[in-house]
PDB file of N, CA and C in Angstrom:
ATOM      1  N   MET A   1     148.531 215.246 -47.746  1.00  0.00           N
ATOM      2  CA  MET A   1     149.930 215.438 -47.462  1.00  0.00           C
ATOM      3  C   MET A   1     150.295 216.888 -47.725  1.00  0.00           C
ATOM      4  N   VAL A   2     150.982 217.483 -46.791  1.00  0.00           N
ATOM      5  CA  VAL A   2     151.459 218.856 -46.936  1.00  0.00           C
ATOM      6  C   VAL A   2     152.890 218.806 -47.439  1.00  0.00           C
ATOM      7  N   LEU A   3     153.172 219.489 -48.515  1.00  0.00           N
ATOM      8  CA  LEU A   3     154.520 219.517 -49.053  1.00  0.00           C
ATOM      9  C   LEU A   3     155.263 220.701 -48.465  1.00  0.00           C
ATOM     10  N   VAL A   4     156.418 220.440 -47.921  1.00  0.00           N
ATOM     11  CA  VAL A   4     157.257 221.502 -47.374  1.00  0.00           C
ATOM     12  C   VAL A   4     158.582 221.495 -48.102  1.00  0.00           C
ATOM     13  N   PRO A   5     159.235 222.638 -48.184  1.00  0.00           N
ATOM     14  CA  PRO A   5     160.522 222.683 -48.880  1.00  0.00           C
ATOM     15  C   PRO A   5     161.585 221.854 -48.154  1.00  0.00           C
ATOM     16  N   TYR A   6     162.417 221.191 -48.907  1.00  0.00           N
ATOM     17  CA  TYR A   6     163.535 220.429 -48.372  1.00  0.00           C
ATOM     18  C   TYR A   6     164.809 220.883 -49.047  1.00  0.00           C
ATOM     19  N   SER A   7     165.906 220.717 -48.345  1.00  0.00           N
ATOM     20  CA  SER A   7     167.204 221.000 -48.933  1.00  0.00           C
ATOM     21  C   SER A   7     167.382 220.083 -50.132  1.00  0.00           C
ATOM     22  N   LEU A   8     167.968 220.574 -51.192  1.00  0.00           N
ATOM     23  CA  LEU A   8     168.113 219.778 -52.411  1.00  0.00           C
ATOM     24  C   LEU A   8     168.927 218.511 -52.218  1.00  0.00           C
ATOM     25  N   VAL A   9     169.965 218.557 -51.434  1.00  0.00           N
ATOM     26  CA  VAL A   9     170.854 217.407 -51.353  1.00  0.00           C
ATOM     27  C   VAL A   9     170.961 216.834 -49.954  1.00  0.00           C
ATOM     28  N   GLN A  10     170.959 217.626 -48.937  1.00  0.00           N
ATOM     29  CA  GLN A  10     171.414 217.162 -47.645  1.00  0.00           C
ATOM     30  C   GLN A  10     170.354 216.610 -46.714  1.00  0.00           C
ATOM     31  N   ASP A  11     169.089 216.678 -47.042  1.00  0.00           N
ATOM     32  CA  ASP A  11     168.078 216.250 -46.104  1.00  0.00           C
ATOM     33  C   ASP A  11     167.672 214.781 -46.214  1.00  0.00           C
ATOM     34  N   PHE A  12     168.059 214.095 -47.250  1.00  0.00           N
ATOM     35  CA  PHE A  12     167.639 212.709 -47.410  1.00  0.00           C
ATOM     36  C   PHE A  12     168.807 211.810 -47.770  1.00  0.00           C
ATOM     37  N   ARG A  13     168.707 210.562 -47.349  1.00  0.00           N
ATOM     38  CA  ARG A  13     169.741 209.579 -47.648  1.00  0.00           C
ATOM     39  C   ARG A  13     169.113 208.197 -47.702  1.00  0.00           C
ATOM     40  N   ALA A  14     169.821 207.253 -48.244  1.00  0.00           N
ATOM     41  CA  ALA A  14     169.358 205.866 -48.208  1.00  0.00           C
ATOM     42  C   ALA A  14     169.414 205.390 -46.760  1.00  0.00           C
ATOM     43  N   PRO A  15     168.463 204.582 -46.322  1.00  0.00           N
ATOM     44  CA  PRO A  15     168.363 204.190 -44.916  1.00  0.00           C
ATOM     45  C   PRO A  15     169.463 203.238 -44.466  1.00  0.00           C
ATOM     46  N   HIS A  16     169.765 203.299 -43.163  1.00  0.00           N
ATOM     47  CA  HIS A  16     170.766 202.394 -42.612  1.00  0.00           C
ATOM     48  C   HIS A  16     170.236 200.969 -42.482  1.00  0.00           C
ATOM     49  N   ASN A  17     168.913 200.813 -42.413  1.00  0.00           N
ATOM     50  CA  ASN A  17     168.354 199.483 -42.214  1.00  0.00           C
ATOM     51  C   ASN A  17     168.033 198.753 -43.511  1.00  0.00           C
ATOM     52  N   ALA A  18     168.418 199.319 -44.643  1.00  0.00           N
ATOM     53  CA  ALA A  18     168.111 198.691 -45.921  1.00  0.00           C
ATOM     54  C   ALA A  18     168.988 197.466 -46.131  1.00  0.00           C
ATOM     55  N   PRO A  19     168.378 196.284 -46.272  1.00  0.00           N
ATOM     56  CA  PRO A  19     169.181 195.077 -46.465  1.00  0.00           C
ATOM     57  C   PRO A  19     169.890 195.049 -47.814  1.00  0.00           C
ATOM     58  N   VAL A  20     169.303 195.654 -48.820  1.00  0.00           N
ATOM     59  CA  VAL A  20     169.879 195.658 -50.157  1.00  0.00           C
ATOM     60  C   VAL A  20     170.280 197.061 -50.560  1.00  0.00           C
ATOM     61  N   GLY A  21     169.499 198.040 -50.198  1.00  0.00           N
ATOM     62  CA  GLY A  21     169.727 199.420 -50.574  1.00  0.00           C
ATOM     63  C   GLY A  21     168.431 200.051 -51.031  1.00  0.00           C
ATOM     64  N   LEU A  22     168.512 201.279 -51.435  1.00  0.00           N
ATOM     65  CA  LEU A  22     167.344 202.031 -51.868  1.00  0.00           C
ATOM     66  C   LEU A  22     167.183 201.878 -53.372  1.00  0.00           C
ATOM     67  N   VAL A  23     166.043 201.363 -53.794  1.00  0.00           N
ATOM     68  CA  VAL A  23     165.783 201.125 -55.212  1.00  0.00           C
ATOM     69  C   VAL A  23     165.264 202.397 -55.857  1.00  0.00           C
ATOM     70  N   ILE A  24     165.875 202.766 -56.975  1.00  0.00           N
ATOM     71  CA  ILE A  24     165.363 203.866 -57.799  1.00  0.00           C
ATOM     72  C   ILE A  24     164.572 203.230 -58.930  1.00  0.00           C
ATOM     73  N   ARG A  25     163.325 203.681 -59.097  1.00  0.00           N
ATOM     74  CA  ARG A  25     162.444 203.123 -60.120  1.00  0.00           C
ATOM     75  C   ARG A  25     162.136 204.164 -61.198  1.00  0.00           C
ATOM     76  N   SER A  26     161.729 203.676 -62.375  1.00  0.00           N
ATOM     77  CA  SER A  26     161.468 204.545 -63.526  1.00  0.00           C
ATOM     78  C   SER A  26     160.178 205.343 -63.380  1.00  0.00           C
ATOM     79  N   LYS A  27     159.242 204.850 -62.572  1.00  0.00           N
ATOM     80  CA  LYS A  27     157.983 205.547 -62.321  1.00  0.00           C
ATOM     81  C   LYS A  27     157.541 205.219 -60.899  1.00  0.00           C
ATOM     82  N   PRO A  28     156.636 206.015 -60.334  1.00  0.00           N
ATOM     83  CA  PRO A  28     156.185 205.750 -58.968  1.00  0.00           C
ATOM     84  C   PRO A  28     155.478 204.396 -58.875  1.00  0.00           C
ATOM     85  N   GLY A  29     155.865 203.577 -57.921  1.00  0.00           N
ATOM     86  CA  GLY A  29     155.238 202.272 -57.719  1.00  0.00           C
ATOM     87  C   GLY A  29     156.212 201.131 -57.904  1.00  0.00           C
ATOM     88  N   THR A  30     155.887 200.015 -57.277  1.00  0.00           N
ATOM     89  CA  THR A  30     156.767 198.843 -57.373  1.00  0.00           C
ATOM     90  C   THR A  30     156.749 198.221 -58.762  1.00  0.00           C
ATOM     91  N   ASP A  31     155.798 198.637 -59.602  1.00  0.00           N
ATOM     92  CA  ASP A  31     155.764 198.141 -60.977  1.00  0.00           C
ATOM     93  C   ASP A  31     156.686 198.936 -61.909  1.00  0.00           C
ATOM     94  N   GLY A  32     157.267 200.028 -61.403  1.00  0.00           N
ATOM     95  CA  GLY A  32     158.235 200.790 -62.193  1.00  0.00           C
ATOM     96  C   GLY A  32     159.517 199.981 -62.374  1.00  0.00           C
ATOM     97  N   LYS A  33     160.150 200.121 -63.527  1.00  0.00           N
ATOM     98  CA  LYS A  33     161.397 199.405 -63.811  1.00  0.00           C
ATOM     99  C   LYS A  33     162.458 199.794 -62.791  1.00  0.00           C
ATOM    100  N   ARG A  34     163.172 198.815 -62.255  1.00  0.00           N
ATOM    101  CA  ARG A  34     164.266 199.060 -61.313  1.00  0.00           C
ATOM    102  C   ARG A  34     165.459 199.582 -62.107  1.00  0.00           C
ATOM    103  N   LEU A  35     165.835 200.835 -61.822  1.00  0.00           N
ATOM    104  CA  LEU A  35     166.940 201.462 -62.555  1.00  0.00           C
ATOM    105  C   LEU A  35     168.284 201.192 -61.903  1.00  0.00           C
ATOM    106  N   THR A  36     168.328 201.270 -60.585  1.00  0.00           N
ATOM    107  CA  THR A  36     169.560 201.022 -59.837  1.00  0.00           C
ATOM    108  C   THR A  36     169.220 200.913 -58.356  1.00  0.00           C
ATOM    109  N   VAL A  37     170.201 200.545 -57.567  1.00  0.00           N
ATOM    110  CA  VAL A  37     170.052 200.470 -56.116  1.00  0.00           C
ATOM    111  C   VAL A  37     171.164 201.309 -55.492  1.00  0.00           C
ATOM    112  N   LEU A  38     170.782 202.189 -54.567  1.00  0.00           N
ATOM    113  CA  LEU A  38     171.760 203.030 -53.885  1.00  0.00           C
ATOM    114  C   LEU A  38     172.236 202.351 -52.614  1.00  0.00           C
ATOM    115  N   GLU A  39     173.505 202.509 -52.320  1.00  0.00           N
ATOM    116  CA  GLU A  39     174.058 201.975 -51.083  1.00  0.00           C
ATOM    117  C   GLU A  39     173.582 202.782 -49.892  1.00  0.00           C
ATOM    118  N   GLN A  40     173.616 202.155 -48.740  1.00  0.00           N
ATOM    119  CA  GLN A  40     173.247 202.799 -47.485  1.00  0.00           C
ATOM    120  C   GLN A  40     174.025 204.096 -47.296  1.00  0.00           C
ATOM    121  N   GLY A  41     173.323 205.159 -46.905  1.00  0.00           N
ATOM    122  CA  GLY A  41     173.959 206.438 -46.631  1.00  0.00           C
ATOM    123  C   GLY A  41     174.167 207.335 -47.839  1.00  0.00           C
ATOM    124  N   THR A  42     173.796 206.877 -49.035  1.00  0.00           N
ATOM    125  CA  THR A  42     173.957 207.692 -50.235  1.00  0.00           C
ATOM    126  C   THR A  42     172.993 208.870 -50.200  1.00  0.00           C
ATOM    127  N   LYS A  43     173.492 210.071 -50.436  1.00  0.00           N
ATOM    128  CA  LYS A  43     172.631 211.247 -50.483  1.00  0.00           C
ATOM    129  C   LYS A  43     172.041 211.390 -51.875  1.00  0.00           C
ATOM    130  N   VAL A  44     170.799 211.888 -51.917  1.00  0.00           N
ATOM    131  CA  VAL A  44     170.113 212.072 -53.187  1.00  0.00           C
ATOM    132  C   VAL A  44     169.716 213.538 -53.346  1.00  0.00           C
ATOM    133  N   THR A  45     169.461 213.927 -54.590  1.00  0.00           N
ATOM    134  CA  THR A  45     168.966 215.266 -54.892  1.00  0.00           C
ATOM    135  C   THR A  45     167.501 215.145 -55.268  1.00  0.00           C
ATOM    136  N   LEU A  46     166.644 215.886 -54.574  1.00  0.00           N
ATOM    137  CA  LEU A  46     165.219 215.843 -54.857  1.00  0.00           C
ATOM    138  C   LEU A  46     164.894 216.641 -56.109  1.00  0.00           C
ATOM    139  N   ALA A  47     163.970 216.113 -56.912  1.00  0.00           N
ATOM    140  CA  ALA A  47     163.456 216.838 -58.066  1.00  0.00           C
ATOM    141  C   ALA A  47     162.246 217.643 -57.606  1.00  0.00           C
ATOM    142  N   GLY A  48     161.996 218.755 -58.232  1.00  0.00           N
ATOM    143  CA  GLY A  48     160.826 219.545 -57.870  1.00  0.00           C
ATOM    144  C   GLY A  48     161.039 221.012 -58.169  1.00  0.00           C
ATOM    145  N   LYS A  49     160.138 221.822 -57.635  1.00  0.00           N
ATOM    146  CA  LYS A  49     160.185 223.263 -57.859  1.00  0.00           C
ATOM    147  C   LYS A  49     161.064 223.925 -56.814  1.00  0.00           C
ATOM    148  N   THR A  50     162.021 224.710 -57.260  1.00  0.00           N
ATOM    149  CA  THR A  50     162.913 225.435 -56.355  1.00  0.00           C
ATOM    150  C   THR A  50     162.135 226.527 -55.637  1.00  0.00           C
ATOM    151  N   VAL A  51     162.392 226.679 -54.344  1.00  0.00           N
ATOM    152  CA  VAL A  51     161.748 227.714 -53.542  1.00  0.00           C
ATOM    153  C   VAL A  51     162.331 229.065 -53.945  1.00  0.00           C
ATOM    154  N   ALA A  52     161.461 230.036 -54.196  1.00  0.00           N
ATOM    155  CA  ALA A  52     161.878 231.335 -54.725  1.00  0.00           C
ATOM    156  C   ALA A  52     162.917 232.038 -53.863  1.00  0.00           C
ATOM    157  N   ASP A  53     162.755 232.031 -52.547  1.00  0.00           N
ATOM    158  CA  ASP A  53     163.674 232.782 -51.687  1.00  0.00           C
ATOM    159  C   ASP A  53     164.869 231.967 -51.201  1.00  0.00           C
ATOM    160  N   ASP A  54     164.956 230.699 -51.593  1.00  0.00           N
ATOM    161  CA  ASP A  54     166.092 229.862 -51.195  1.00  0.00           C
ATOM    162  C   ASP A  54     166.342 228.806 -52.266  1.00  0.00           C
ATOM    163  N   LYS A  55     167.282 229.073 -53.147  1.00  0.00           N
ATOM    164  CA  LYS A  55     167.567 228.184 -54.275  1.00  0.00           C
ATOM    165  C   LYS A  55     168.142 226.837 -53.847  1.00  0.00           C
ATOM    166  N   ASN A  56     168.485 226.670 -52.563  1.00  0.00           N
ATOM    167  CA  ASN A  56     168.982 225.392 -52.063  1.00  0.00           C
ATOM    168  C   ASN A  56     167.856 224.499 -51.551  1.00  0.00           C
ATOM    169  N   LYS A  57     166.606 224.969 -51.657  1.00  0.00           N
ATOM    170  CA  LYS A  57     165.461 224.185 -51.206  1.00  0.00           C
ATOM    171  C   LYS A  57     164.502 223.954 -52.359  1.00  0.00           C
ATOM    172  N   VAL A  58     163.755 222.854 -52.256  1.00  0.00           N
ATOM    173  CA  VAL A  58     162.847 222.471 -53.333  1.00  0.00           C
ATOM    174  C   VAL A  58     161.559 221.911 -52.728  1.00  0.00           C
ATOM    175  N   ILE A  59     160.444 222.123 -53.411  1.00  0.00           N
ATOM    176  CA  ILE A  59     159.198 221.448 -53.061  1.00  0.00           C
ATOM    177  C   ILE A  59     159.186 220.184 -53.907  1.00  0.00           C
ATOM    178  N   PRO A  60     159.301 219.013 -53.265  1.00  0.00           N
ATOM    179  CA  PRO A  60     159.489 217.775 -54.016  1.00  0.00           C
ATOM    180  C   PRO A  60     158.248 217.330 -54.787  1.00  0.00           C
ATOM    181  N   VAL A  61     158.489 216.536 -55.835  1.00  0.00           N
ATOM    182  CA  VAL A  61     157.420 215.905 -56.609  1.00  0.00           C
ATOM    183  C   VAL A  61     157.091 214.602 -55.891  1.00  0.00           C
ATOM    184  N   VAL A  62     155.851 214.481 -55.400  1.00  0.00           N
ATOM    185  CA  VAL A  62     155.458 213.340 -54.579  1.00  0.00           C
ATOM    186  C   VAL A  62     154.213 212.683 -55.159  1.00  0.00           C
ATOM    187  N   SER A  63     154.201 211.339 -55.199  1.00  0.00           N
ATOM    188  CA  SER A  63     153.039 210.565 -55.641  1.00  0.00           C
ATOM    189  C   SER A  63     152.677 209.577 -54.548  1.00  0.00           C
ATOM    190  N   GLN A  64     151.401 209.532 -54.166  1.00  0.00           N
ATOM    191  CA  GLN A  64     150.941 208.605 -53.134  1.00  0.00           C
ATOM    192  C   GLN A  64     151.089 207.166 -53.622  1.00  0.00           C
ATOM    193  N   ASP A  65     151.552 206.272 -52.744  1.00  0.00           N
ATOM    194  CA  ASP A  65     151.670 204.858 -53.088  1.00  0.00           C
ATOM    195  C   ASP A  65     150.281 204.238 -53.167  1.00  0.00           C
ATOM    196  N   ALA A  66     150.027 203.420 -54.171  1.00  0.00           N
ATOM    197  CA  ALA A  66     148.710 202.824 -54.383  1.00  0.00           C
ATOM    198  C   ALA A  66     148.339 201.806 -53.307  1.00  0.00           C
ATOM    199  N   GLN A  67     149.312 201.057 -52.775  1.00  0.00           N
ATOM    200  CA  GLN A  67     149.014 200.011 -51.806  1.00  0.00           C
ATOM    201  C   GLN A  67     149.193 200.434 -50.351  1.00  0.00           C
ATOM    202  N   ASP A  68     149.989 201.446 -50.097  1.00  0.00           N
ATOM    203  CA  ASP A  68     150.343 201.807 -48.721  1.00  0.00           C
ATOM    204  C   ASP A  68     150.001 203.274 -48.458  1.00  0.00           C
ATOM    205  N   PRO A  69     148.974 203.544 -47.644  1.00  0.00           N
ATOM    206  CA  PRO A  69     148.580 204.927 -47.400  1.00  0.00           C
ATOM    207  C   PRO A  69     149.614 205.753 -46.633  1.00  0.00           C
ATOM    208  N   GLU A  70     150.565 205.099 -45.990  1.00  0.00           N
ATOM    209  CA  GLU A  70     151.612 205.814 -45.255  1.00  0.00           C
ATOM    210  C   GLU A  70     152.866 206.053 -46.086  1.00  0.00           C
ATOM    211  N   ALA A  71     152.844 205.628 -47.336  1.00  0.00           N
ATOM    212  CA  ALA A  71     154.036 205.733 -48.184  1.00  0.00           C
ATOM    213  C   ALA A  71     153.759 206.597 -49.410  1.00  0.00           C
ATOM    214  N   SER A  72     154.814 207.240 -49.875  1.00  0.00           N
ATOM    215  CA  SER A  72     154.759 208.059 -51.087  1.00  0.00           C
ATOM    216  C   SER A  72     156.011 207.787 -51.905  1.00  0.00           C
ATOM    217  N   TRP A  73     155.925 208.108 -53.170  1.00  0.00           N
ATOM    218  CA  TRP A  73     157.077 208.022 -54.061  1.00  0.00           C
ATOM    219  C   TRP A  73     157.565 209.431 -54.315  1.00  0.00           C
ATOM    220  N   VAL A  74     158.854 209.649 -54.113  1.00  0.00           N
ATOM    221  CA  VAL A  74     159.465 210.959 -54.279  1.00  0.00           C
ATOM    222  C   VAL A  74     160.385 210.918 -55.498  1.00  0.00           C
ATOM    223  N   GLN A  75     160.236 211.910 -56.363  1.00  0.00           N
ATOM    224  CA  GLN A  75     161.087 211.976 -57.548  1.00  0.00           C
ATOM    225  C   GLN A  75     162.437 212.566 -57.168  1.00  0.00           C
ATOM    226  N   ILE A  76     163.508 211.944 -57.662  1.00  0.00           N
ATOM    227  CA  ILE A  76     164.860 212.453 -57.442  1.00  0.00           C
ATOM    228  C   ILE A  76     165.524 212.706 -58.791  1.00  0.00           C
ATOM    229  N   SER A  77     166.541 213.578 -58.764  1.00  0.00           N
ATOM    230  CA  SER A  77     167.253 213.877 -60.009  1.00  0.00           C
ATOM    231  C   SER A  77     168.685 213.357 -59.997  1.00  0.00           C
ATOM    232  N   ALA A  78     169.203 213.006 -58.829  1.00  0.00           N
ATOM    233  CA  ALA A  78     170.571 212.485 -58.729  1.00  0.00           C
ATOM    234  C   ALA A  78     170.684 211.639 -57.467  1.00  0.00           C
ATOM    235  N   PRO A  79     171.527 210.663 -57.447  1.00  0.00           N
ATOM    236  CA  PRO A  79     172.576 210.352 -58.420  1.00  0.00           C
ATOM    237  C   PRO A  79     172.067 209.758 -59.726  1.00  0.00           C
ATOM    238  N   LYS A  80     170.807 209.315 -59.783  1.00  0.00           N
ATOM    239  CA  LYS A  80     170.170 208.856 -61.016  1.00  0.00           C
ATOM    240  C   LYS A  80     168.718 209.288 -60.937  1.00  0.00           C
ATOM    241  N   ALA A  81     168.197 209.860 -61.998  1.00  0.00           N
ATOM    242  CA  ALA A  81     166.812 210.325 -62.003  1.00  0.00           C
ATOM    243  C   ALA A  81     165.848 209.150 -61.897  1.00  0.00           C
ATOM    244  N   GLY A  82     164.801 209.339 -61.113  1.00  0.00           N
ATOM    245  CA  GLY A  82     163.779 208.312 -60.949  1.00  0.00           C
ATOM    246  C   GLY A  82     162.953 208.580 -59.706  1.00  0.00           C
ATOM    247  N   TYR A  83     162.362 207.524 -59.160  1.00  0.00           N
ATOM    248  CA  TYR A  83     161.484 207.627 -57.998  1.00  0.00           C
ATOM    249  C   TYR A  83     161.931 206.673 -56.906  1.00  0.00           C
ATOM    250  N   VAL A  84     161.837 207.138 -55.665  1.00  0.00           N
ATOM    251  CA  VAL A  84     162.187 206.311 -54.512  1.00  0.00           C
ATOM    252  C   VAL A  84     161.037 206.347 -53.512  1.00  0.00           C
ATOM    253  N   LEU A  85     160.907 205.291 -52.738  1.00  0.00           N
ATOM    254  CA  LEU A  85     159.845 205.178 -51.747  1.00  0.00           C
ATOM    255  C   LEU A  85     160.189 205.990 -50.510  1.00  0.00           C
ATOM    256  N   TYR A  86     159.187 206.695 -49.972  1.00  0.00           N
ATOM    257  CA  TYR A  86     159.360 207.481 -48.750  1.00  0.00           C
ATOM    258  C   TYR A  86     158.211 207.157 -47.806  1.00  0.00           C
ATOM    259  N   ARG A  87     158.531 206.879 -46.559  1.00  0.00           N
ATOM    260  CA  ARG A  87     157.524 206.604 -45.522  1.00  0.00           C
ATOM    261  C   ARG A  87     157.789 207.505 -44.345  1.00  0.00           C
ATOM    262  N   VAL A  88     156.727 208.059 -43.791  1.00  0.00           N
ATOM    263  CA  VAL A  88     156.860 208.922 -42.626  1.00  0.00           C
ATOM    264  C   VAL A  88     157.016 208.081 -41.364  1.00  0.00           C
ATOM    265  N   SER A  89     156.282 206.971 -41.288  1.00  0.00           N
ATOM    266  CA  SER A  89     156.336 206.133 -40.087  1.00  0.00           C
ATOM    267  C   SER A  89     155.917 204.716 -40.436  1.00  0.00           C
ATOM    268  N   GLY A  90     155.894 203.855 -39.414  1.00  0.00           N
ATOM    269  CA  GLY A  90     155.450 202.486 -39.606  1.00  0.00           C
ATOM    270  C   GLY A  90     156.558 201.573 -40.086  1.00  0.00           C
ATOM    271  N   THR A  91     156.161 200.392 -40.483  1.00  0.00           N
ATOM    272  CA  THR A  91     157.116 199.407 -40.969  1.00  0.00           C
ATOM    273  C   THR A  91     156.780 199.049 -42.407  1.00  0.00           C
ATOM    274  N   SER A  92     157.769 198.596 -43.114  1.00  0.00           N
ATOM    275  CA  SER A  92     157.585 198.246 -44.509  1.00  0.00           C
ATOM    276  C   SER A  92     158.570 197.139 -44.865  1.00  0.00           C
ATOM    277  N   PRO A  93     158.167 196.233 -45.758  1.00  0.00           N
ATOM    278  CA  PRO A  93     159.120 195.214 -46.208  1.00  0.00           C
ATOM    279  C   PRO A  93     160.154 195.775 -47.173  1.00  0.00           C
ATOM    280  N   TYR A  94     159.966 197.037 -47.589  1.00  0.00           N
ATOM    281  CA  TYR A  94     160.868 197.657 -48.547  1.00  0.00           C
ATOM    282  C   TYR A  94     161.740 198.707 -47.885  1.00  0.00           C
ATOM    283  N   ALA A  95     162.915 198.943 -48.435  1.00  0.00           N
ATOM    284  CA  ALA A  95     163.765 200.046 -48.004  1.00  0.00           C
ATOM    285  C   ALA A  95     163.148 201.327 -48.546  1.00  0.00           C
ATOM    286  N   TYR A  96     163.294 202.403 -47.793  1.00  0.00           N
ATOM    287  CA  TYR A  96     162.724 203.661 -48.239  1.00  0.00           C
ATOM    288  C   TYR A  96     163.602 204.826 -47.823  1.00  0.00           C
ATOM    289  N   LEU A  97     163.390 205.953 -48.472  1.00  0.00           N
ATOM    290  CA  LEU A  97     164.137 207.177 -48.240  1.00  0.00           C
ATOM    291  C   LEU A  97     163.850 207.682 -46.837  1.00  0.00           C
ATOM    292  N   VAL A  98     164.892 208.138 -46.140  1.00  0.00           N
ATOM    293  CA  VAL A  98     164.725 208.700 -44.797  1.00  0.00           C
ATOM    294  C   VAL A  98     165.483 210.019 -44.705  1.00  0.00           C
ATOM    295  N   PRO A  99     164.990 210.952 -43.853  1.00  0.00           N
ATOM    296  CA  PRO A  99     165.719 212.220 -43.677  1.00  0.00           C
ATOM    297  C   PRO A  99     167.083 211.976 -43.026  1.00  0.00           C
ATOM    298  N   CYS A 100     168.061 212.805 -43.366  1.00  0.00           N
ATOM    299  CA  CYS A 100     169.365 212.732 -42.718  1.00  0.00           C
ATOM    300  C   CYS A 100     169.195 213.123 -41.249  1.00  0.00           C
ATOM    301  N   GLU A 101     170.028 212.548 -40.415  1.00  0.00           N
ATOM    302  CA  GLU A 101     169.978 212.857 -38.983  1.00  0.00           C
ATOM    303  C   GLU A 101     170.786 214.085 -38.670  1.00  0.00           C
TER     304      GLU A 101
END
């Protein structure tokens, strides 16, 4: 996986297709404690290293999902610190973080 800088707040949101919402977990993986659930459309702030030439962008902290090779866990710092599921493509029984349109 190639990590690219993302805007701290505006590039990601909870998905519109989430039946319950986006789950924030205490650690990467479905075995992490469920901390809270974000409503559809909620914007999050990514945790990670700030890009030197643009303080509004960050290289996110990403952990590969153990069961799904197309999914990763992304660390966020707000609205509540924790980890959320991110998938580039495919289908999943879980709600996951998606880029803003």
